[in-house]
Amino acid sequence: FRPADVPRTKSGQQKFSSLAFQLEEDDSRLENPFADFSRYDGEKHEGAQPVKWITVYLTMLDDAKYSIRVCILEDATVKDLIGLILYKYNQGRRQHLLEDDLSSYSLHIAEDDGDIDPDFPSLDVHEIISKFGFPCLGLVQKNVSEVPKRTFIVSVNVPKSG
């Protein structure tokens, strides 16, 4: 195959397709640290794969009743859902900046009005989201003391004396 000529405008510049133009204009996908989690967005796969709709309240915001309605693939984990929530929040270019570290957040069972149910612990990040039947969850930012730090195990062999 020989290369095709790209049409040029009267001024001699190359024309771009509308898709190339949109990709050029939308640089937000490059600056969203949670872009990898967009693959779990069920809206892209609805009808082709099983999905689950969940209302998530972002409790760390000034307006604690602010919610995002998220459609996620049913085989995604709780960690994937947290990443997708943060991705969608950042896509909206919201004013409140969120932490870039997923381990800074946990998901909790929430009432329909967004109140977190304190009687239950946070959802395990390794569990599959389809395991849970809750229509509303709350994304909670952990305290600094709750965020797991890297731990190292050091073994020391002390010879017996005596």
C-alpha atoms as a PDB file:
ATOM      1  CA  PHE A   1       0.000   0.000   0.000  1.00  0.00           C
ATOM      2  CA  ARG A   2       1.196   3.454  -0.675  1.00  0.00           C
ATOM      3  CA  PRO A   3       0.443   6.195   1.865  1.00  0.00           C
ATOM      4  CA  ALA A   4      -2.684   8.218   1.236  1.00  0.00           C
ATOM      5  CA  ASP A   5      -2.419  11.950   0.909  1.00  0.00           C
ATOM      6  CA  VAL A   6      -3.949  13.872   3.778  1.00  0.00           C
ATOM      7  CA  PRO A   7      -6.198  16.667   2.502  1.00  0.00           C
ATOM      8  CA  ARG A   8      -4.920  20.152   3.217  1.00  0.00           C
ATOM      9  CA  THR A   9      -6.761  23.397   3.711  1.00  0.00           C
ATOM     10  CA  LYS A  10      -6.242  26.385   1.431  1.00  0.00           C
ATOM     11  CA  SER A  11      -3.551  27.673   3.783  1.00  0.00           C
ATOM     12  CA  GLY A  12      -1.609  24.407   3.394  1.00  0.00           C
ATOM     13  CA  GLN A  13      -2.326  22.998   6.852  1.00  0.00           C
ATOM     14  CA  GLN A  14      -3.445  19.389   7.274  1.00  0.00           C
ATOM     15  CA  LYS A  15      -7.120  18.773   7.934  1.00  0.00           C
ATOM     16  CA  PHE A  16      -8.012  16.719  10.973  1.00  0.00           C
ATOM     17  CA  SER A  17     -10.965  14.378  11.236  1.00  0.00           C
ATOM     18  CA  SER A  18     -13.577  15.352  13.792  1.00  0.00           C
ATOM     19  CA  LEU A  19     -12.471  12.413  15.975  1.00  0.00           C
ATOM     20  CA  ALA A  20      -8.841  13.537  15.896  1.00  0.00           C
ATOM     21  CA  PHE A  21      -9.970  17.065  16.735  1.00  0.00           C
ATOM     22  CA  GLN A  22     -12.047  15.855  19.724  1.00  0.00           C
ATOM     23  CA  LEU A  23      -9.157  13.754  21.008  1.00  0.00           C
ATOM     24  CA  GLU A  24      -6.848  16.740  20.674  1.00  0.00           C
ATOM     25  CA  GLU A  25      -9.314  18.971  22.548  1.00  0.00           C
ATOM     26  CA  ASP A  26     -10.042  16.469  25.332  1.00  0.00           C
ATOM     27  CA  ASP A  27      -6.815  16.368  27.280  1.00  0.00           C
ATOM     28  CA  SER A  28      -8.704  15.576  30.504  1.00  0.00           C
ATOM     29  CA  ARG A  29      -8.240  11.851  29.899  1.00  0.00           C
ATOM     30  CA  LEU A  30      -4.486  12.379  30.200  1.00  0.00           C
ATOM     31  CA  GLU A  31      -4.618  14.201  33.508  1.00  0.00           C
ATOM     32  CA  ASN A  32      -7.108  11.943  35.314  1.00  0.00           C
ATOM     33  CA  PRO A  33      -5.062   9.633  37.572  1.00  0.00           C
ATOM     34  CA  PHE A  34      -7.962   7.163  37.665  1.00  0.00           C
ATOM     35  CA  ALA A  35      -8.364   6.776  33.891  1.00  0.00           C
ATOM     36  CA  ASP A  36      -7.508   3.046  34.059  1.00  0.00           C
ATOM     37  CA  PHE A  37     -10.711   2.459  36.028  1.00  0.00           C
ATOM     38  CA  SER A  38     -12.881   3.725  33.176  1.00  0.00           C
ATOM     39  CA  ARG A  39     -12.795   0.185  31.754  1.00  0.00           C
ATOM     40  CA  TYR A  40     -15.183  -0.860  34.542  1.00  0.00           C
ATOM     41  CA  ASP A  41     -17.754   1.731  33.454  1.00  0.00           C
ATOM     42  CA  GLY A  42     -20.870  -0.351  32.830  1.00  0.00           C
ATOM     43  CA  GLU A  43     -22.515   2.326  30.691  1.00  0.00           C
ATOM     44  CA  LYS A  44     -20.138   1.345  27.893  1.00  0.00           C
ATOM     45  CA  HIS A  45     -21.075  -2.334  28.235  1.00  0.00           C
ATOM     46  CA  GLU A  46     -24.752  -2.181  29.226  1.00  0.00           C
ATOM     47  CA  GLY A  47     -26.667  -4.881  27.375  1.00  0.00           C
ATOM     48  CA  ALA A  48     -23.519  -6.799  26.468  1.00  0.00           C
ATOM     49  CA  GLN A  49     -22.365  -7.624  30.009  1.00  0.00           C
ATOM     50  CA  PRO A  50     -24.105  -7.709  33.393  1.00  0.00           C
ATOM     51  CA  VAL A  51     -23.924  -4.328  35.117  1.00  0.00           C
ATOM     52  CA  LYS A  52     -25.028  -2.840  38.414  1.00  0.00           C
ATOM     53  CA  TRP A  53     -26.285   0.697  39.095  1.00  0.00           C
ATOM     54  CA  ILE A  54     -25.281   2.210  42.442  1.00  0.00           C
ATOM     55  CA  THR A  55     -25.813   5.657  43.944  1.00  0.00           C
ATOM     56  CA  VAL A  56     -22.645   6.741  45.749  1.00  0.00           C
ATOM     57  CA  TYR A  57     -22.532   9.642  48.203  1.00  0.00           C
ATOM     58  CA  LEU A  58     -19.195  11.446  48.475  1.00  0.00           C
ATOM     59  CA  THR A  59     -19.168  12.187  52.184  1.00  0.00           C
ATOM     60  CA  MET A  60     -15.849  14.058  52.232  1.00  0.00           C
ATOM     61  CA  LEU A  61     -17.230  16.967  50.211  1.00  0.00           C
ATOM     62  CA  ASP A  62     -18.624  20.160  51.706  1.00  0.00           C
ATOM     63  CA  ASP A  63     -22.025  19.018  50.449  1.00  0.00           C
ATOM     64  CA  ALA A  64     -22.048  15.545  52.035  1.00  0.00           C
ATOM     65  CA  LYS A  65     -25.295  14.754  50.196  1.00  0.00           C
ATOM     66  CA  TYR A  66     -23.578  15.066  46.797  1.00  0.00           C
ATOM     67  CA  SER A  67     -23.991  11.779  44.939  1.00  0.00           C
ATOM     68  CA  ILE A  68     -22.876  10.146  41.720  1.00  0.00           C
ATOM     69  CA  ARG A  69     -24.941   7.468  39.999  1.00  0.00           C
ATOM     70  CA  VAL A  70     -22.467   4.843  38.767  1.00  0.00           C
ATOM     71  CA  CYS A  71     -22.987   1.897  36.436  1.00  0.00           C
ATOM     72  CA  ILE A  72     -20.277  -0.721  36.998  1.00  0.00           C
ATOM     73  CA  LEU A  73     -19.564  -4.163  35.585  1.00  0.00           C
ATOM     74  CA  GLU A  74     -20.794  -6.806  38.016  1.00  0.00           C
ATOM     75  CA  ASP A  75     -17.471  -8.676  38.014  1.00  0.00           C
ATOM     76  CA  ALA A  76     -15.533  -5.606  39.206  1.00  0.00           C
ATOM     77  CA  THR A  77     -14.200  -5.428  42.754  1.00  0.00           C
ATOM     78  CA  VAL A  78     -14.971  -2.837  45.425  1.00  0.00           C
ATOM     79  CA  LYS A  79     -11.529  -1.334  44.718  1.00  0.00           C
ATOM     80  CA  ASP A  80     -12.473  -1.004  41.030  1.00  0.00           C
ATOM     81  CA  LEU A  81     -15.685   0.770  42.041  1.00  0.00           C
ATOM     82  CA  ILE A  82     -13.758   3.246  44.210  1.00  0.00           C
ATOM     83  CA  GLY A  83     -11.454   3.944  41.265  1.00  0.00           C
ATOM     84  CA  LEU A  84     -14.415   4.400  38.905  1.00  0.00           C
ATOM     85  CA  ILE A  85     -16.114   6.808  41.332  1.00  0.00           C
ATOM     86  CA  LEU A  86     -12.952   8.897  41.592  1.00  0.00           C
ATOM     87  CA  TYR A  87     -12.533   8.771  37.805  1.00  0.00           C
ATOM     88  CA  LYS A  88     -16.077  10.021  37.215  1.00  0.00           C
ATOM     89  CA  TYR A  89     -15.718  12.735  39.859  1.00  0.00           C
ATOM     90  CA  ASN A  90     -12.476  13.958  38.258  1.00  0.00           C
ATOM     91  CA  GLN A  91     -14.022  13.819  34.764  1.00  0.00           C
ATOM     92  CA  GLY A  92     -16.547  16.377  35.917  1.00  0.00           C
ATOM     93  CA  ARG A  93     -13.607  18.624  36.872  1.00  0.00           C
ATOM     94  CA  ARG A  94     -15.053  19.216  40.290  1.00  0.00           C
ATOM     95  CA  GLN A  95     -13.654  21.951  42.509  1.00  0.00           C
ATOM     96  CA  HIS A  96     -12.837  19.823  45.558  1.00  0.00           C
ATOM     97  CA  LEU A  97      -9.557  17.988  44.949  1.00  0.00           C
ATOM     98  CA  LEU A  98      -9.493  14.369  46.026  1.00  0.00           C
ATOM     99  CA  GLU A  99      -6.539  12.212  47.032  1.00  0.00           C
ATOM    100  CA  ASP A 100      -4.849  10.261  44.214  1.00  0.00           C
ATOM    101  CA  ASP A 101      -4.386   7.195  46.438  1.00  0.00           C
ATOM    102  CA  LEU A 102      -7.221   4.644  46.402  1.00  0.00           C
ATOM    103  CA  SER A 103      -6.257   3.383  49.852  1.00  0.00           C
ATOM    104  CA  SER A 104      -7.303   6.786  51.233  1.00  0.00           C
ATOM    105  CA  TYR A 105     -10.967   5.833  50.667  1.00  0.00           C
ATOM    106  CA  SER A 106     -13.411   3.171  51.748  1.00  0.00           C
ATOM    107  CA  LEU A 107     -16.989   2.306  50.772  1.00  0.00           C
ATOM    108  CA  HIS A 108     -19.691   1.971  53.394  1.00  0.00           C
ATOM    109  CA  ILE A 109     -23.344   1.021  53.337  1.00  0.00           C
ATOM    110  CA  ALA A 110     -25.485   4.164  53.129  1.00  0.00           C
ATOM    111  CA  GLU A 111     -29.136   4.987  53.554  1.00  0.00           C
ATOM    112  CA  ASP A 112     -31.160   6.367  50.627  1.00  0.00           C
ATOM    113  CA  ASP A 113     -30.567   9.889  51.979  1.00  0.00           C
ATOM    114  CA  GLY A 114     -26.767   9.415  52.093  1.00  0.00           C
ATOM    115  CA  ASP A 115     -26.344   8.779  55.810  1.00  0.00           C
ATOM    116  CA  ILE A 116     -23.612   6.206  56.482  1.00  0.00           C
ATOM    117  CA  ASP A 117     -24.701   3.233  58.552  1.00  0.00           C
ATOM    118  CA  PRO A 118     -22.183   3.125  61.445  1.00  0.00           C
ATOM    119  CA  ASP A 119     -23.210  -0.400  62.481  1.00  0.00           C
ATOM    120  CA  PHE A 120     -21.422  -1.973  59.519  1.00  0.00           C
ATOM    121  CA  PRO A 121     -17.715  -1.954  58.616  1.00  0.00           C
ATOM    122  CA  SER A 122     -16.455  -0.760  55.244  1.00  0.00           C
ATOM    123  CA  LEU A 123     -16.748  -3.119  52.279  1.00  0.00           C
ATOM    124  CA  ASP A 124     -13.702  -5.325  51.632  1.00  0.00           C
ATOM    125  CA  VAL A 125     -11.850  -3.901  48.618  1.00  0.00           C
ATOM    126  CA  HIS A 126     -11.119  -7.401  47.285  1.00  0.00           C
ATOM    127  CA  GLU A 127     -14.760  -8.526  47.139  1.00  0.00           C
ATOM    128  CA  ILE A 128     -16.712  -8.645  43.872  1.00  0.00           C
ATOM    129  CA  ILE A 129     -19.298  -5.847  43.755  1.00  0.00           C
ATOM    130  CA  SER A 130     -22.107  -8.173  42.617  1.00  0.00           C
ATOM    131  CA  LYS A 131     -21.886  -9.851  46.048  1.00  0.00           C
ATOM    132  CA  PHE A 132     -23.513  -6.778  47.574  1.00  0.00           C
ATOM    133  CA  GLY A 133     -27.124  -5.818  46.942  1.00  0.00           C
ATOM    134  CA  PHE A 134     -27.020  -2.303  48.361  1.00  0.00           C
ATOM    135  CA  PRO A 135     -28.424   0.415  46.061  1.00  0.00           C
ATOM    136  CA  CYS A 136     -26.633   3.213  47.967  1.00  0.00           C
ATOM    137  CA  LEU A 137     -23.077   3.419  49.232  1.00  0.00           C
ATOM    138  CA  GLY A 138     -20.984   6.158  50.792  1.00  0.00           C
ATOM    139  CA  LEU A 139     -17.415   6.930  49.791  1.00  0.00           C
ATOM    140  CA  VAL A 140     -15.544   7.911  52.945  1.00  0.00           C
ATOM    141  CA  GLN A 141     -12.090   9.443  53.128  1.00  0.00           C
ATOM    142  CA  LYS A 142     -10.084   7.654  55.790  1.00  0.00           C
ATOM    143  CA  ASN A 143      -8.206   9.475  58.520  1.00  0.00           C
ATOM    144  CA  VAL A 144      -4.449   9.611  58.034  1.00  0.00           C
ATOM    145  CA  SER A 145      -4.020   7.068  60.840  1.00  0.00           C
ATOM    146  CA  GLU A 146      -6.363   4.620  59.056  1.00  0.00           C
ATOM    147  CA  VAL A 147      -4.513   4.647  55.722  1.00  0.00           C
ATOM    148  CA  PRO A 148      -2.374   1.516  55.542  1.00  0.00           C
ATOM    149  CA  LYS A 149       1.311   2.201  55.356  1.00  0.00           C
ATOM    150  CA  ARG A 150       3.884  -0.048  53.758  1.00  0.00           C
ATOM    151  CA  THR A 151       5.083  -2.546  56.272  1.00  0.00           C
ATOM    152  CA  PHE A 152       8.195  -4.622  56.195  1.00  0.00           C
ATOM    153  CA  ILE A 153       8.832  -7.840  58.052  1.00  0.00           C
ATOM    154  CA  VAL A 154      12.371  -8.199  59.310  1.00  0.00           C
ATOM    155  CA  SER A 155      13.582 -11.508  60.698  1.00  0.00           C
ATOM    156  CA  VAL A 156      16.485 -11.437  63.086  1.00  0.00           C
ATOM    157  CA  ASN A 157      18.213 -14.626  64.194  1.00  0.00           C
ATOM    158  CA  VAL A 158      19.808 -14.313  67.619  1.00  0.00           C
ATOM    159  CA  PRO A 159      22.164 -17.146  68.560  1.00  0.00           C
ATOM    160  CA  LYS A 160      21.536 -18.745  71.924  1.00  0.00           C
ATOM    161  CA  SER A 161      24.121 -17.852  74.492  1.00  0.00           C
ATOM    162  CA  GLY A 162      25.204 -19.954  77.363  1.00  0.00           C
END
